[in-house]
Each structure stands twice: as C-alpha cells, then as structure tokens.
C-alpha cells in the first residue's frame, strides 16, 4: 500500500491529525466546501443506521413512536422559546428568501424541534387519556455556533434522534428516563463497545429549559471527557411556554410534564477514537458492515482456480463477507487496505490452505493469526467476532476505570487534571461558585454527578472545605 493510503501519523503523537487520517482514509467521512459540514460516506452511514436500528427497537419497547416535523421553524416560534429560557441562544441558520422573493417571515433551519413540535402538541393533547405522549424524530439539525469543526464530534450539521415526551406527572417522566438511558447505554456498550458513566448534570451544565439533565459520559484516549446521549426532564417549563395542557380525571386543567432525549452521530467519532490504532480504523464486529474479508493468494492460473473454488465455498458459509479478488493489487496491499478500513477479520486462502483444507484468520484488533478447518469455519469466525467485541469493550472499560482517580485535596486535583487527565472523583458541596472556580482555575468542569456513588458522608468539598453533597467527576472536556 502506498504511503498516501496508509496512516502516517501516530495516535500518541498527534491524535487530532491521526483522527483526520483515519476517518478519511478508511472511508468513514470526507470534508466538503460547506464550512463545518461533512459527508457521511457509506461506511459511516451504514454504521449509523445500525445504531438507529438498535436504539429504535428499544424505543418501540418503551412505547415511543416515530414522526417527522418540518425542517423549517417560523421565527415567531423560535423567539417564543428563547423568551422563556435564559441561556437558550442557538446560532441559527436562517432562510430569508425563496428565489428572488423575500419571505413574509424568516424561517430557521432546525436547530432543535421543541418549537415546531410543541405547537402541535398543544392541539393534540387535551385529556389525561392522551397521556403519556411519546414521540421521536430521527433527523438532522444545524447549529452554526463554532469556527473549527471536528468530523462527527462537532459539526454544524449532524444526525440524531430527538425524543419529546409528555406525561401527567414527574414520576412517569423519570420512569421513562431510566428506560431511555438504558436503551442508549446498551447500544453504546454492547454494540459500540464504549463504556459510560451515567449521572445527573449540575445546574450550570444542564440543558437550558430543563429541570434536570441526565447524561452518559465517555472518556477519550487523550484523557478528555466527552458527553454522550442525554435525557432532560423539563418539568412543566415548555408546557407553560407553549400552553400544553390536559384535563385530568377530576376535570381539572393542568400542564403536562415533559422530557427530551437524544443520541447523536458524535458517538461515531467517540468509537473511532476509542478503538482505532496506528494502522487505521478498528470497528466493533456488531457494527461492522463487512465482518470478514477473504483475500485469495495465488501466482499461477492453476492455483487461481483451486483457490477461488475454496473462496466460493467459504463465502457461502459466512454472513457479511466480502471477497477481494482484484488481480491488479498484491495481497500485501489488500491486507493493509482492509486494516485501514477496520474490517474485523481477514481470511487468507492460498494453495497451502487448499491443500491442508484450513485457512488463516487474522484479527484486526490484535493481529493474532489462527488456523481454522474449512468444515467449521462459520463457528470459528463467530467465536472470533464475539471475542473481539468483548475485548474491545473490556479494553475501553479498563482504560476508563484506571483513569478515575480520587482525591479530596484541591492541589492534588489540579495536579491530576494538568498532568494525568481522566476523571477526577472528588467531593463537592453542590454550590455553583465552587464549580465555577474549579473550572476557571483548571479548565476542567463537572461532567456529571455519577449514580454509581453514594452520598459522601462526612467528606468536605474539595474546593471550599464545606460539607460535601456529592461525589462528582471533574475532567477537561471536548
């Protein structure tokens, strides 16, 4: 393989440039002439569709239905939302004319859909019998709020789900919180092999308009945290803003309680960063569109016939298998290309394999080579794929756990953040001022208040020394 097609930057030396090479040379994404917007090439789009499929299947078990609302949102509706929620100021892209004619009203290109959806909700929801109302969209949104894009991780246009549910009570909304976060976490961990820390956001970090925000947080290989899927309990805030009421069983009119939740294509970038290496992309087998590539190896025409005969036999036994029988590329070139593209398993078949009736299987994650009999190749491949899936998750989970460091000393907290990174577990008093000071002095924020920890009885806040209310994770974040 030529140097142009291989990965030329080491992950440990320049993770940003390495990432750019991996996503472009593997065929995951490409840049465009539209600032901050990328092409989801077929490889990444297939992976995203599988993520959608698995999340959506779990949504249906919860009772969430899919719908689709307009891409364009009238300015008056967006202003109505902004009026009610301090801090809600998305950088919106506007449509102001059609052809040569000015529009009667400016239309926002969807930054999020509360405004357009809740205009309908106030007409659809009238009685307690209409609740719970669980509705989701799979769509794209545009947020023109930054200068430097990072494909998948931070782009002006991205893909996501946005769920918008309505309930008669807070209890019902919080019951669905756990179900939705379970769905997200199962897909992140079981399919993408990305470990998560589930918890509640602080007041400073929660979504504008929410009563509480709950998140799944990830830890990247460079020691920085990044937020994953989230769930917002909005109370009656949006209901009051958009006048969404229902009549209860006693005939009393009340505002609905609401929730919103999302998973985005950011997870694709997290997956690439988490698992890939200096050879290129590494894909968890459950999400890999091609799970196995067969590379026939022959030199003479007589060998070719025998080798391709065995290739055809094996291809019929394996699912999501690709045969690379290009004559104008050498086997070594093909090996390197499929490593860059992240195919989990490579099967090599040459004249020796034909004679011995066994093949050589090479794992993408470890490079380990295994010989397998042709007769039970499907079983061996299935076992190797399962083992690889488990190993990728365990490796990422072990890394995360090894990089959760506990301290109750402020100087040590600052030292860990500066020199080691990762999550720093520390007691916190719950006050905004301490959170703000830590962020100003270290550039680290509280990622969330993890559910995994009990209340820190008898502990003092790492910053001010007052009685601690929570164990939290501090980290520098992307």
Protein backbone atom coordinates (compact mmCIF):
# COMPACT_ATOMS: atom_id res chain seq x y z
CA UNK A 1 0.00 0.00 0.00
CA UNK A 2 1.32 3.46 -0.81
CA UNK A 3 2.16 5.89 1.96
CA UNK A 4 -0.63 8.13 0.70
CA UNK A 5 -3.24 5.50 1.56
CA UNK A 6 -1.73 4.34 4.86
CA UNK A 7 -1.94 6.14 8.22
CA UNK A 8 1.19 8.27 8.52
CA UNK A 9 0.57 9.89 11.94
CA UNK A 10 0.91 8.12 15.28
CA UNK A 11 -2.08 8.24 17.61
CA UNK A 12 0.05 9.09 20.65
CA UNK A 13 1.98 11.83 18.86
CA UNK A 14 -0.85 13.86 17.29
CA UNK A 15 -4.29 12.44 17.99
CA UNK A 16 -6.04 15.19 16.01
CA UNK A 17 -4.16 14.61 12.75
CA UNK A 18 -4.25 10.84 13.29
CA UNK A 19 -8.05 11.03 13.68
CA UNK A 20 -8.39 13.08 10.50
CA UNK A 21 -6.39 10.49 8.56
CA UNK A 22 -8.32 7.54 9.97
CA UNK A 23 -11.80 8.86 9.18
CA UNK A 24 -10.89 9.98 5.65
CA UNK A 25 -8.63 7.10 4.55
CA UNK A 26 -10.95 4.45 5.98
CA UNK A 27 -13.89 5.86 4.02
CA UNK A 28 -15.86 6.99 7.08
CA UNK A 29 -16.13 10.66 6.13
CA UNK A 30 -14.93 13.40 3.84
CA UNK A 31 -14.79 17.17 4.02
CA UNK A 32 -16.94 19.47 1.88
CA UNK A 33 -16.91 23.06 0.68
CA UNK A 34 -19.63 23.86 3.25
CA UNK A 35 -17.84 25.06 6.37
CA UNK A 36 -18.31 22.72 9.31
CA UNK A 37 -20.28 20.09 7.36
CA UNK A 38 -19.05 16.64 6.33
CA UNK A 39 -20.04 13.78 4.05
CA UNK A 40 -21.17 10.66 5.84
CA UNK A 41 -19.74 8.16 3.39
CA UNK A 42 -21.46 4.77 3.01
CA UNK A 43 -19.33 3.12 5.70
CA UNK A 44 -20.24 5.58 8.46
CA UNK A 45 -23.83 5.87 7.27
CA UNK A 46 -24.29 2.09 7.46
CA UNK A 47 -22.91 2.11 10.99
CA UNK A 48 -25.21 4.97 11.99
CA UNK A 49 -28.18 3.16 10.50
CA UNK A 50 -27.36 0.11 12.64
CA UNK A 51 -27.13 2.32 15.73
CA UNK A 52 -30.51 3.83 14.79
CA UNK A 53 -32.00 0.38 14.28
CA UNK A 54 -30.90 -0.86 17.70
CA UNK A 55 -31.92 2.29 19.57
CA UNK A 56 -35.23 2.47 17.72
CA UNK A 57 -36.05 -1.16 18.50
CA UNK A 58 -35.62 -0.39 22.18
CA UNK A 59 -37.67 2.80 21.84
CA UNK A 60 -40.57 0.81 20.45
CA UNK A 61 -40.46 -1.46 23.52
CA UNK A 62 -40.89 1.69 25.64
CA UNK A 63 -43.86 2.82 23.51
CA UNK A 64 -42.10 5.62 21.64
CA UNK A 65 -43.43 6.31 18.14
CA UNK A 66 -41.59 7.96 15.25
CA UNK A 67 -42.83 11.01 13.36
CA UNK A 68 -41.36 13.75 11.23
CA UNK A 69 -41.80 17.52 11.60
CA UNK A 70 -40.71 20.30 9.22
CA UNK A 71 -37.06 21.27 8.82
CA UNK A 72 -38.08 24.94 8.89
CA UNK A 73 -39.28 26.75 12.01
CA UNK A 74 -41.01 30.16 11.88
CA UNK A 75 -39.08 32.88 13.66
CA UNK A 76 -42.00 33.71 15.93
CA UNK A 77 -41.99 30.18 17.37
CA UNK A 78 -38.25 30.16 17.99
CA UNK A 79 -38.44 33.57 19.64
CA UNK A 80 -41.21 32.27 21.87
CA UNK A 81 -38.88 29.52 23.07
CA UNK A 82 -35.93 31.87 23.60
CA UNK A 83 -38.10 34.28 25.62
CA UNK A 84 -38.81 31.62 28.21
CA UNK A 85 -35.39 30.06 28.72
CA UNK A 86 -32.35 32.03 29.75
CA UNK A 87 -29.27 30.63 28.04
CA UNK A 88 -31.20 29.27 25.07
CA UNK A 89 -29.47 31.06 22.21
CA UNK A 90 -28.61 28.66 19.39
CA UNK A 91 -26.71 30.10 16.47
CA UNK A 92 -29.44 29.60 13.91
CA UNK A 93 -29.13 29.43 10.13
CA UNK A 94 -31.98 31.40 8.53
CA UNK A 95 -33.88 31.18 5.27
CA UNK A 96 -34.97 34.70 4.37
CA UNK A 97 -35.85 34.45 0.67
CA UNK A 98 -37.08 31.98 -1.94
CA UNK A 99 -35.78 32.66 -5.42
CA UNK A 100 -35.98 36.42 -5.89
CA UNK A 101 -38.74 36.95 -3.32
CA UNK A 102 -38.29 37.88 0.32
CA UNK A 103 -40.22 35.60 2.70
CA UNK A 104 -43.01 37.08 4.77
CA UNK A 105 -41.38 35.60 7.85
CA UNK A 106 -37.85 34.30 8.40
CA UNK A 107 -37.58 30.55 8.74
CA UNK A 108 -34.96 28.92 10.97
CA UNK A 109 -33.23 25.79 9.75
CA UNK A 110 -33.99 23.36 12.56
CA UNK A 111 -31.53 23.72 15.47
CA UNK A 112 -33.89 21.55 17.56
CA UNK A 113 -37.61 20.90 17.28
CA UNK A 114 -39.30 21.91 20.54
CA UNK A 115 -40.88 24.99 18.97
CA UNK A 116 -42.38 23.32 15.91
CA UNK A 117 -43.42 20.13 17.71
CA UNK A 118 -45.00 21.73 20.75
CA UNK A 119 -47.21 23.95 18.60
CA UNK A 120 -48.87 20.67 17.54
CA UNK A 121 -48.75 19.10 21.00
CA UNK A 122 -50.96 21.83 22.45
CA UNK A 123 -53.67 20.79 19.97
CA UNK A 124 -53.15 17.02 20.20
CA UNK A 125 -53.07 16.72 23.99
CA UNK A 126 -56.37 17.61 25.63
CA UNK A 127 -57.17 14.86 28.15
CA UNK A 128 -55.39 12.56 30.60
CA UNK A 129 -56.36 9.82 28.12
CA UNK A 130 -53.89 11.33 25.61
CA UNK A 131 -51.01 10.71 28.01
CA UNK A 132 -48.31 9.57 28.03
CA UNK A 133 -47.49 11.00 24.62
CA UNK A 134 -44.15 9.57 23.45
CA UNK A 135 -42.82 10.80 20.11
CA UNK A 136 -39.42 10.75 18.45
CA UNK A 137 -37.76 12.05 15.30
CA UNK A 138 -34.66 10.76 13.52
CA UNK A 139 -33.42 13.79 11.64
CA UNK A 140 -30.66 16.32 11.03
CA UNK A 141 -30.13 19.65 12.79
CA UNK A 142 -27.99 22.70 12.09
CA UNK A 143 -26.20 24.75 14.75
CA UNK A 144 -23.93 27.50 13.45
CA UNK A 145 -22.14 28.02 16.75
CA UNK A 146 -18.41 27.41 16.31
CA UNK A 147 -15.49 28.02 13.96
CA UNK A 148 -13.48 24.80 13.89
CA UNK A 149 -15.30 21.57 13.09
CA UNK A 150 -14.18 18.07 14.06
CA UNK A 151 -15.90 15.44 11.92
CA UNK A 152 -18.56 13.54 13.86
CA UNK A 153 -17.53 15.08 17.18
CA UNK A 154 -18.54 18.65 16.41
CA UNK A 155 -20.09 19.67 13.11
CA UNK A 156 -22.59 22.34 12.14
CA UNK A 157 -24.96 19.76 10.73
CA UNK A 158 -25.30 16.41 12.49
CA UNK A 159 -27.71 13.50 12.72
CA UNK A 160 -29.53 12.43 15.87
CA UNK A 161 -32.75 11.34 17.44
CA UNK A 162 -34.77 13.90 19.33
CA UNK A 163 -37.43 12.44 21.57
CA UNK A 164 -40.16 14.67 23.02
CA UNK A 165 -42.47 13.02 25.53
CA UNK A 166 -45.37 14.38 27.58
CA UNK A 167 -46.77 12.94 30.82
CA UNK A 168 -49.29 13.58 33.54
CA UNK A 169 -46.63 13.51 36.27
CA UNK A 170 -42.96 13.87 37.12
CA UNK A 171 -42.85 10.25 38.29
CA UNK A 172 -43.86 8.95 34.86
CA UNK A 173 -41.24 11.11 33.14
CA UNK A 174 -38.49 9.86 35.46
CA UNK A 175 -39.57 6.25 35.00
CA UNK A 176 -39.06 6.66 31.26
CA UNK A 177 -35.72 8.38 31.96
CA UNK A 178 -34.27 5.11 33.17
CA UNK A 179 -35.74 3.16 30.25
CA UNK A 180 -34.37 5.59 27.65
CA UNK A 181 -30.93 5.81 29.25
CA UNK A 182 -30.89 2.00 29.47
CA UNK A 183 -31.54 1.86 25.72
CA UNK A 184 -28.72 4.30 24.98
CA UNK A 185 -26.28 2.61 27.33
CA UNK A 186 -26.97 -0.86 25.95
CA UNK A 187 -26.23 0.30 22.41
CA UNK A 188 -23.15 2.31 23.44
CA UNK A 189 -21.67 -0.53 25.46
CA UNK A 190 -22.95 -3.70 23.75
CA UNK A 191 -22.61 -2.51 20.14
CA UNK A 192 -20.15 0.39 20.05
CA UNK A 193 -18.03 -1.04 22.91
CA UNK A 194 -17.94 2.40 24.55
CA UNK A 195 -18.22 2.42 28.37
CA UNK A 196 -20.42 5.05 30.00
CA UNK A 197 -20.71 6.87 33.31
CA UNK A 198 -24.37 7.64 33.98
CA UNK A 199 -25.31 10.58 36.14
CA UNK A 200 -27.03 13.93 36.59
CA UNK A 201 -25.67 17.19 35.24
CA UNK A 202 -25.13 20.14 37.57
CA UNK A 203 -27.27 23.26 37.35
CA UNK A 204 -24.51 25.01 35.38
CA UNK A 205 -24.21 22.20 32.86
CA UNK A 206 -27.82 21.18 32.36
CA UNK A 207 -29.83 21.91 29.20
CA UNK A 208 -31.46 25.35 29.11
CA UNK A 209 -35.14 24.87 29.87
CA UNK A 210 -34.66 21.62 31.77
CA UNK A 211 -35.33 20.95 35.43
CA UNK A 212 -32.64 18.25 35.36
CA UNK A 213 -30.36 16.78 32.71
CA UNK A 214 -29.03 13.23 32.88
CA UNK A 215 -26.12 12.09 30.74
CA UNK A 216 -23.85 9.25 29.74
CA UNK A 217 -20.23 10.41 29.80
CA UNK A 218 -17.27 8.86 27.96
CA UNK A 219 -13.52 9.13 28.49
CA UNK A 220 -11.39 9.53 25.36
CA UNK A 221 -7.87 8.15 24.82
CA UNK A 222 -6.33 11.61 25.27
CA UNK A 223 -7.74 11.79 28.81
CA UNK A 224 -10.53 14.21 27.96
CA UNK A 225 -14.19 13.57 28.67
CA UNK A 226 -16.97 13.90 26.14
CA UNK A 227 -20.71 13.84 26.68
CA UNK A 228 -22.71 11.05 25.10
CA UNK A 229 -26.50 10.57 24.96
CA UNK A 230 -28.68 12.51 27.40
CA UNK A 231 -32.18 12.80 28.84
CA UNK A 232 -33.74 16.04 30.05
CA UNK A 233 -36.62 16.24 32.49
CA UNK A 234 -38.23 19.56 31.58
CA UNK A 235 -40.97 19.67 34.20
CA UNK A 236 -43.75 22.00 33.02
CA UNK A 237 -41.36 24.63 31.66
CA UNK A 238 -42.07 24.05 27.98
CA UNK A 239 -45.73 23.30 28.68
CA UNK A 240 -46.12 26.78 30.18
CA UNK A 241 -44.23 28.38 27.29
CA UNK A 242 -46.34 26.65 24.63
CA UNK A 243 -49.59 26.29 26.63
CA UNK A 244 -49.72 22.48 26.54
CA UNK A 245 -52.47 21.48 28.98
CA UNK A 246 -54.66 18.47 29.67
CA UNK A 247 -57.80 17.85 31.72
CA UNK A 248 -57.25 15.26 34.44
CA UNK A 249 -59.71 12.62 35.66
CA UNK A 250 -61.24 15.09 38.11
CA UNK A 251 -61.86 17.65 35.37
CA UNK A 252 -59.02 19.92 36.50
CA UNK A 253 -56.84 21.54 33.82
CA UNK A 254 -53.10 21.02 34.29
CA UNK A 255 -49.85 21.49 32.42
CA UNK A 256 -48.13 18.36 31.12
CA UNK A 257 -44.72 17.26 32.34
CA UNK A 258 -42.19 16.78 29.53
CA UNK A 259 -38.91 15.14 28.67
CA UNK A 260 -36.47 15.34 25.77
CA UNK A 261 -33.62 12.98 24.89
CA UNK A 262 -31.03 12.37 22.16
CA UNK A 263 -28.17 10.30 20.81
CA UNK A 264 -26.08 11.83 18.01
CA UNK A 265 -23.55 10.91 15.37
CA UNK A 266 -20.92 12.18 17.83
CA UNK A 267 -20.86 8.57 19.05
CA UNK A 268 -19.27 7.50 15.76
CA UNK A 269 -16.33 9.79 16.44
CA UNK A 270 -16.02 8.52 20.00
CA UNK A 271 -16.00 4.94 18.69
CA UNK A 272 -13.23 5.74 16.19
CA UNK A 273 -11.10 7.47 18.82
CA UNK A 274 -11.67 4.74 21.38
CA UNK A 275 -10.74 1.66 19.37
CA UNK A 276 -8.69 2.58 16.32
CA UNK A 277 -4.91 2.35 16.10
CA UNK A 278 -1.90 3.40 14.03
CA UNK A 279 -2.91 1.02 11.23
CA UNK A 280 -6.31 2.66 10.82
CA UNK A 281 -9.92 2.05 11.76
CA UNK A 282 -10.96 -0.67 14.21
CA UNK A 283 -14.68 -1.45 14.18
CA UNK A 284 -16.62 -3.41 16.81
CA UNK A 285 -17.87 -6.53 14.97
CA UNK A 286 -21.53 -5.92 15.86
CA UNK A 287 -21.45 -2.64 13.91
CA UNK A 288 -19.08 -3.56 11.09
CA UNK A 289 -20.98 -3.62 7.75
CA UNK A 290 -18.37 -6.11 6.47
CA UNK A 291 -17.35 -8.53 9.20
CA UNK A 292 -14.94 -10.69 7.22
CA UNK A 293 -12.85 -10.14 4.11
CA UNK A 294 -11.42 -13.09 2.20
CA UNK A 295 -8.15 -12.46 0.36
CA UNK A 296 -7.23 -15.20 -2.15
CA UNK A 297 -3.49 -15.65 -2.75
CA UNK A 298 -2.22 -17.29 -5.95
CA UNK A 299 0.54 -16.94 -8.52
CA UNK A 300 -0.27 -19.37 -11.30
CA UNK A 301 -3.51 -19.77 -13.23
CA UNK A 302 -3.87 -23.34 -11.98
CA UNK A 303 -3.56 -22.16 -8.39
CA UNK A 304 -6.13 -19.46 -9.02
CA UNK A 305 -8.84 -21.93 -9.98
CA UNK A 306 -8.31 -24.07 -6.88
CA UNK A 307 -8.06 -21.11 -4.51
CA UNK A 308 -11.15 -19.36 -5.86
CA UNK A 309 -13.03 -22.64 -5.58
CA UNK A 310 -12.37 -22.73 -1.84
CA UNK A 311 -13.12 -18.99 -1.58
CA UNK A 312 -16.54 -19.55 -3.12
CA UNK A 313 -17.23 -22.38 -0.69
CA UNK A 314 -16.35 -20.25 2.33
CA UNK A 315 -18.18 -17.17 1.11
CA UNK A 316 -21.41 -19.14 1.09
CA UNK A 317 -20.98 -20.02 4.77
CA UNK A 318 -20.26 -16.55 6.13
CA UNK A 319 -22.53 -13.56 6.65
CA UNK A 320 -21.48 -10.04 5.69
CA UNK A 321 -18.39 -11.39 4.00
CA UNK A 322 -16.50 -9.69 1.16
CA UNK A 323 -14.12 -11.33 -1.30
CA UNK A 324 -11.22 -9.22 -2.55
CA UNK A 325 -10.21 -10.95 -5.77
CA UNK A 326 -8.74 -7.91 -7.52
CA UNK A 327 -5.90 -9.05 -9.75
CA UNK A 328 -4.23 -5.65 -10.02
CA UNK A 329 -3.46 -5.41 -6.29
CA UNK A 330 -0.97 -7.51 -4.34
CA UNK A 331 -2.07 -9.47 -1.26
CA UNK A 332 0.06 -7.23 0.97
CA UNK A 333 -1.60 -4.12 -0.45
CA UNK A 334 -5.02 -5.64 0.22
CA UNK A 335 -4.08 -6.62 3.76
CA UNK A 336 -3.12 -3.04 4.55
CA UNK A 337 -6.17 -1.56 2.87
CA UNK A 338 -8.60 -3.69 4.86
CA UNK A 339 -6.73 -2.90 8.05
CA UNK A 340 -7.19 0.82 7.33
CA UNK A 341 -10.91 0.20 6.72
CA UNK A 342 -11.31 -1.67 10.00
CA UNK A 343 -12.80 -4.99 8.84
CA UNK A 344 -12.73 -7.21 11.97
CA UNK A 345 -11.45 -10.44 10.41
CA UNK A 346 -9.29 -11.25 7.39
CA UNK A 347 -9.18 -14.76 5.93
CA UNK A 348 -6.19 -15.69 3.80
CA UNK A 349 -6.52 -18.56 1.32
CA UNK A 350 -3.61 -19.77 -0.78
CA UNK A 351 -2.55 -23.07 -2.33
CA UNK A 352 -1.27 -24.32 1.03
CA UNK A 353 -4.64 -23.65 2.63
CA UNK A 354 -6.38 -25.50 -0.18
CA UNK A 355 -4.09 -28.49 0.29
CA UNK A 356 -4.49 -28.55 4.07
CA UNK A 357 -8.22 -27.67 3.93
CA UNK A 358 -7.72 -24.98 6.50
CA UNK A 359 -7.47 -21.21 6.33
CA UNK A 360 -5.63 -18.47 8.16
CA UNK A 361 -7.76 -15.98 10.13
CA UNK A 362 -6.24 -12.66 11.19
CA UNK A 363 -7.86 -10.49 13.88
CA UNK A 364 -7.92 -6.74 13.20
CA UNK A 365 -7.70 -5.68 16.85
CA UNK A 366 -4.75 -7.86 17.93
CA UNK A 367 -3.20 -9.05 14.67
CA UNK A 368 -3.36 -12.61 16.01
CA UNK A 369 -3.31 -15.36 13.39
CA UNK A 370 -5.41 -18.50 13.82
CA UNK A 371 -5.72 -21.60 11.64
CA UNK A 372 -9.22 -22.96 11.17
CA UNK A 373 -10.63 -26.01 9.40
CA UNK A 374 -12.81 -25.22 6.42
CA UNK A 375 -15.53 -27.52 7.73
CA UNK A 376 -16.34 -25.43 10.79
CA UNK A 377 -15.24 -22.01 9.55
CA UNK A 378 -18.57 -20.40 10.37
CA UNK A 379 -18.31 -21.43 14.03
CA UNK A 380 -14.70 -20.24 14.33
CA UNK A 381 -15.50 -16.89 12.71
CA UNK A 382 -18.48 -16.37 15.03
CA UNK A 383 -16.32 -17.12 18.07
CA UNK A 384 -13.54 -14.76 16.93
CA UNK A 385 -16.02 -11.94 16.29
CA UNK A 386 -17.63 -12.41 19.70
CA UNK A 387 -14.25 -12.46 21.42
CA UNK A 388 -13.16 -9.32 19.59
CA UNK A 389 -16.35 -7.48 20.56
CA UNK A 390 -15.83 -8.39 24.22
CA UNK A 391 -12.15 -7.48 24.15
CA UNK A 392 -12.75 -4.03 22.67
CA UNK A 393 -15.25 -3.20 25.39
CA UNK A 394 -13.09 -4.61 28.18
CA UNK A 395 -10.05 -2.69 26.96
CA UNK A 396 -12.03 0.58 26.86
CA UNK A 397 -13.68 -0.12 30.21
CA UNK A 398 -10.37 -0.98 31.87
CA UNK A 399 -8.86 2.23 30.50
CA UNK A 400 -11.71 4.31 31.87
CA UNK A 401 -11.64 2.71 35.31
CA UNK A 402 -7.85 3.04 35.53
CA UNK A 403 -8.23 6.74 34.79
CA UNK A 404 -10.75 7.54 37.51
CA UNK A 405 -8.60 8.98 40.29
CA UNK A 406 -9.98 10.01 43.66
CA UNK A 407 -8.83 12.96 45.73
CA UNK A 408 -10.09 15.25 48.47
CA UNK A 409 -7.18 17.66 48.14
CA UNK A 410 -7.56 20.65 45.83
CA UNK A 411 -3.88 20.93 44.92
CA UNK A 412 -3.83 17.24 44.03
CA UNK A 413 -6.97 17.67 41.94
CA UNK A 414 -5.29 20.41 39.93
CA UNK A 415 -2.15 18.30 39.54
CA UNK A 416 -4.09 15.26 38.29
CA UNK A 417 -6.06 17.33 35.80
CA UNK A 418 -2.94 19.00 34.45
CA UNK A 419 -0.57 16.02 34.36
CA UNK A 420 -2.70 12.89 34.02
CA UNK A 421 -6.18 13.81 32.80
CA UNK A 422 -9.07 11.42 33.03
CA UNK A 423 -11.95 11.63 35.50
CA UNK A 424 -11.12 13.02 38.93
CA UNK A 425 -13.55 11.78 41.57
CA UNK A 426 -13.88 14.40 44.29
CA UNK A 427 -16.41 15.54 46.91
CA UNK A 428 -18.32 18.73 46.06
CA UNK A 429 -20.51 20.99 48.16
CA UNK A 430 -23.09 21.49 45.41
CA UNK A 431 -22.53 25.24 45.09
CA UNK A 432 -22.17 26.93 41.72
CA UNK A 433 -19.34 29.13 42.99
CA UNK A 434 -17.01 26.23 43.77
CA UNK A 435 -17.81 24.60 40.42
CA UNK A 436 -17.08 27.88 38.64
CA UNK A 437 -13.78 28.45 40.47
CA UNK A 438 -12.52 24.96 39.67
CA UNK A 439 -13.38 25.44 36.02
CA UNK A 440 -11.70 28.86 35.89
CA UNK A 441 -8.53 27.62 37.57
CA UNK A 442 -8.19 24.22 35.86
CA UNK A 443 -10.38 24.42 32.71
CA UNK A 444 -11.98 21.21 34.00
CA UNK A 445 -15.71 21.01 34.57
CA UNK A 446 -18.01 18.63 36.40
CA UNK A 447 -19.02 16.12 33.74
CA UNK A 448 -21.87 14.78 35.85
CA UNK A 449 -22.82 13.55 39.32
CA UNK A 450 -22.44 9.78 38.81
CA UNK A 451 -25.21 7.50 40.01
CA UNK A 452 -22.57 4.91 40.93
CA UNK A 453 -21.55 6.77 44.12
CA UNK A 454 -23.33 7.11 47.44
CA UNK A 455 -23.56 10.44 49.26
CA UNK A 456 -20.10 11.40 50.62
CA UNK A 457 -21.00 11.29 54.31
CA UNK A 458 -18.55 13.22 56.47
CA UNK A 459 -16.47 14.41 53.48
CA UNK A 460 -15.53 18.01 52.77
CA UNK A 461 -15.80 19.80 49.43
CA UNK A 462 -12.52 19.56 47.54
CA UNK A 463 -12.57 23.30 46.86
CA UNK A 464 -14.06 25.13 49.86
CA UNK A 465 -13.89 22.59 52.68
CA UNK A 466 -17.60 22.78 53.49
CA UNK A 467 -19.80 19.72 53.91
CA UNK A 468 -19.90 17.75 50.64
CA UNK A 469 -23.20 16.89 48.98
CA UNK A 470 -21.99 14.74 46.09
CA UNK A 471 -19.14 12.77 44.64
CA UNK A 472 -18.57 14.20 41.16
CA UNK A 473 -16.25 13.70 38.23
CA UNK A 474 -14.11 16.64 37.17
CA UNK A 475 -12.44 16.46 33.74
CA UNK A 476 -11.28 18.51 30.83
CA UNK A 477 -13.84 18.04 28.10
CA UNK A 478 -14.11 18.21 24.34
